[in-house]
């Protein structure tokens, strides 16, 4: 299994639209681990780990987000897989 880690920053109208809660639900559904949080600059930051194909599906979802979101940009930085997460959580 090819496991990878993605550091994702999502820009646009992504706060106040249940982006974090929906991100957690999507991650749990496709079995991706990590966390999501709002940043002071109005973006949403995500660390996601899992099988390459699952991470790609997750990133594809981040380009759309939940129904109230308007995503303008998704930056992805690939990092070394750590296996440190047991599930997927919303951080504050």
C-alpha atoms as a PDB file:
ATOM      1  CA  UNK A   1       0.000   0.000   0.000  1.00  0.00           C
ATOM      2  CA  UNK A   2       1.298   3.395  -0.992  1.00  0.00           C
ATOM      3  CA  UNK A   3       0.524   5.745   1.916  1.00  0.00           C
ATOM      4  CA  UNK A   4       1.036   9.478   1.633  1.00  0.00           C
ATOM      5  CA  UNK A   5       0.508  12.717   3.562  1.00  0.00           C
ATOM      6  CA  UNK A   6      -0.906  15.940   2.158  1.00  0.00           C
ATOM      7  CA  UNK A   7      -0.784  19.391   3.769  1.00  0.00           C
ATOM      8  CA  UNK A   8      -3.733  21.225   2.223  1.00  0.00           C
ATOM      9  CA  UNK A   9      -4.754  24.892   2.433  1.00  0.00           C
ATOM     10  CA  UNK A  10      -8.191  25.757   1.036  1.00  0.00           C
ATOM     11  CA  UNK A  11      -9.013  29.388   0.134  1.00  0.00           C
ATOM     12  CA  UNK A  12     -12.274  31.121  -0.725  1.00  0.00           C
ATOM     13  CA  UNK A  13     -15.515  31.263   1.234  1.00  0.00           C
ATOM     14  CA  UNK A  14     -14.612  28.325   3.457  1.00  0.00           C
ATOM     15  CA  UNK A  15     -15.297  29.522   6.996  1.00  0.00           C
ATOM     16  CA  UNK A  16     -18.770  29.739   8.471  1.00  0.00           C
ATOM     17  CA  UNK A  17     -20.136  27.195   5.960  1.00  0.00           C
ATOM     18  CA  UNK A  18     -19.536  23.966   7.926  1.00  0.00           C
ATOM     19  CA  UNK A  19     -16.387  23.235   5.921  1.00  0.00           C
ATOM     20  CA  UNK A  20     -14.553  21.662   8.878  1.00  0.00           C
ATOM     21  CA  UNK A  21     -17.428  19.396   9.928  1.00  0.00           C
ATOM     22  CA  UNK A  22     -18.015  18.265   6.351  1.00  0.00           C
ATOM     23  CA  UNK A  23     -14.283  17.723   5.847  1.00  0.00           C
ATOM     24  CA  UNK A  24     -14.204  15.453   8.901  1.00  0.00           C
ATOM     25  CA  UNK A  25     -17.255  13.510   7.653  1.00  0.00           C
ATOM     26  CA  UNK A  26     -15.747  13.058   4.184  1.00  0.00           C
ATOM     27  CA  UNK A  27     -12.389  11.973   5.632  1.00  0.00           C
ATOM     28  CA  UNK A  28     -14.059   9.418   7.885  1.00  0.00           C
ATOM     29  CA  UNK A  29     -16.172   8.120   5.013  1.00  0.00           C
ATOM     30  CA  UNK A  30     -13.180   7.468   2.745  1.00  0.00           C
ATOM     31  CA  UNK A  31     -10.896   6.408   5.622  1.00  0.00           C
ATOM     32  CA  UNK A  32      -8.420   9.292   5.654  1.00  0.00           C
ATOM     33  CA  UNK A  33      -6.783  10.311   8.936  1.00  0.00           C
ATOM     34  CA  UNK A  34      -5.527  13.712  10.154  1.00  0.00           C
ATOM     35  CA  UNK A  35      -7.117  17.009  11.125  1.00  0.00           C
ATOM     36  CA  UNK A  36      -8.739  20.215   9.863  1.00  0.00           C
ATOM     37  CA  UNK A  37      -8.791  23.741  11.328  1.00  0.00           C
ATOM     38  CA  UNK A  38      -9.674  27.322  10.473  1.00  0.00           C
ATOM     39  CA  UNK A  39      -6.764  29.752  10.144  1.00  0.00           C
ATOM     40  CA  UNK A  40      -6.882  33.425  11.117  1.00  0.00           C
ATOM     41  CA  UNK A  41      -6.407  34.484   7.466  1.00  0.00           C
ATOM     42  CA  UNK A  42      -9.790  32.957   6.490  1.00  0.00           C
ATOM     43  CA  UNK A  43      -8.407  29.776   4.943  1.00  0.00           C
ATOM     44  CA  UNK A  44      -8.894  26.199   6.114  1.00  0.00           C
ATOM     45  CA  UNK A  45      -5.840  24.034   6.777  1.00  0.00           C
ATOM     46  CA  UNK A  46      -5.873  20.238   6.548  1.00  0.00           C
ATOM     47  CA  UNK A  47      -3.360  17.489   7.233  1.00  0.00           C
ATOM     48  CA  UNK A  48      -4.501  14.229   5.636  1.00  0.00           C
ATOM     49  CA  UNK A  49      -2.852  10.811   5.571  1.00  0.00           C
ATOM     50  CA  UNK A  50      -3.841   7.583   3.892  1.00  0.00           C
ATOM     51  CA  UNK A  51      -3.633   5.519   0.756  1.00  0.00           C
ATOM     52  CA  UNK A  52      -2.721   7.555  -2.314  1.00  0.00           C
ATOM     53  CA  UNK A  53      -6.028   6.934  -4.121  1.00  0.00           C
ATOM     54  CA  UNK A  54      -8.069   7.898  -1.041  1.00  0.00           C
ATOM     55  CA  UNK A  55      -6.037  11.070  -0.499  1.00  0.00           C
ATOM     56  CA  UNK A  56      -6.567  12.063  -4.136  1.00  0.00           C
ATOM     57  CA  UNK A  57     -10.347  11.567  -3.782  1.00  0.00           C
ATOM     58  CA  UNK A  58     -10.225  13.658  -0.605  1.00  0.00           C
ATOM     59  CA  UNK A  59      -8.310  16.468  -2.346  1.00  0.00           C
ATOM     60  CA  UNK A  60     -10.794  16.373  -5.233  1.00  0.00           C
ATOM     61  CA  UNK A  61     -13.581  16.879  -2.679  1.00  0.00           C
ATOM     62  CA  UNK A  62     -11.669  19.820  -1.111  1.00  0.00           C
ATOM     63  CA  UNK A  63     -11.843  21.594  -4.492  1.00  0.00           C
ATOM     64  CA  UNK A  64     -15.650  21.667  -4.118  1.00  0.00           C
ATOM     65  CA  UNK A  65     -16.284  21.511  -0.370  1.00  0.00           C
ATOM     66  CA  UNK A  66     -19.772  21.558   1.158  1.00  0.00           C
ATOM     67  CA  UNK A  67     -22.741  23.220  -0.527  1.00  0.00           C
ATOM     68  CA  UNK A  68     -22.277  26.626   1.167  1.00  0.00           C
ATOM     69  CA  UNK A  69     -18.593  26.924   0.291  1.00  0.00           C
ATOM     70  CA  UNK A  70     -17.027  28.694  -2.661  1.00  0.00           C
ATOM     71  CA  UNK A  71     -13.508  27.330  -3.073  1.00  0.00           C
ATOM     72  CA  UNK A  72     -11.172  29.557  -5.059  1.00  0.00           C
ATOM     73  CA  UNK A  73      -7.859  27.766  -4.514  1.00  0.00           C
ATOM     74  CA  UNK A  74      -6.461  24.540  -3.060  1.00  0.00           C
ATOM     75  CA  UNK A  75      -2.744  24.385  -2.305  1.00  0.00           C
ATOM     76  CA  UNK A  76      -1.290  20.926  -1.671  1.00  0.00           C
ATOM     77  CA  UNK A  77       2.158  20.222  -0.276  1.00  0.00           C
ATOM     78  CA  UNK A  78       3.241  16.578  -0.156  1.00  0.00           C
ATOM     79  CA  UNK A  79       4.957  15.479   3.028  1.00  0.00           C
ATOM     80  CA  UNK A  80       6.342  12.262   4.507  1.00  0.00           C
ATOM     81  CA  UNK A  81       3.684   9.850   5.791  1.00  0.00           C
ATOM     82  CA  UNK A  82       3.927   9.544   9.590  1.00  0.00           C
ATOM     83  CA  UNK A  83       1.049   7.257  10.614  1.00  0.00           C
ATOM     84  CA  UNK A  84       0.566   9.374  13.748  1.00  0.00           C
ATOM     85  CA  UNK A  85      -3.218   9.778  13.513  1.00  0.00           C
ATOM     86  CA  UNK A  86      -5.849   7.333  14.751  1.00  0.00           C
ATOM     87  CA  UNK A  87      -8.796   9.155  13.164  1.00  0.00           C
ATOM     88  CA  UNK A  88      -9.732  12.556  11.759  1.00  0.00           C
ATOM     89  CA  UNK A  89     -10.503  15.514  14.024  1.00  0.00           C
ATOM     90  CA  UNK A  90     -11.520  19.145  13.933  1.00  0.00           C
ATOM     91  CA  UNK A  91      -8.931  21.314  15.691  1.00  0.00           C
ATOM     92  CA  UNK A  92      -9.645  24.744  17.145  1.00  0.00           C
END
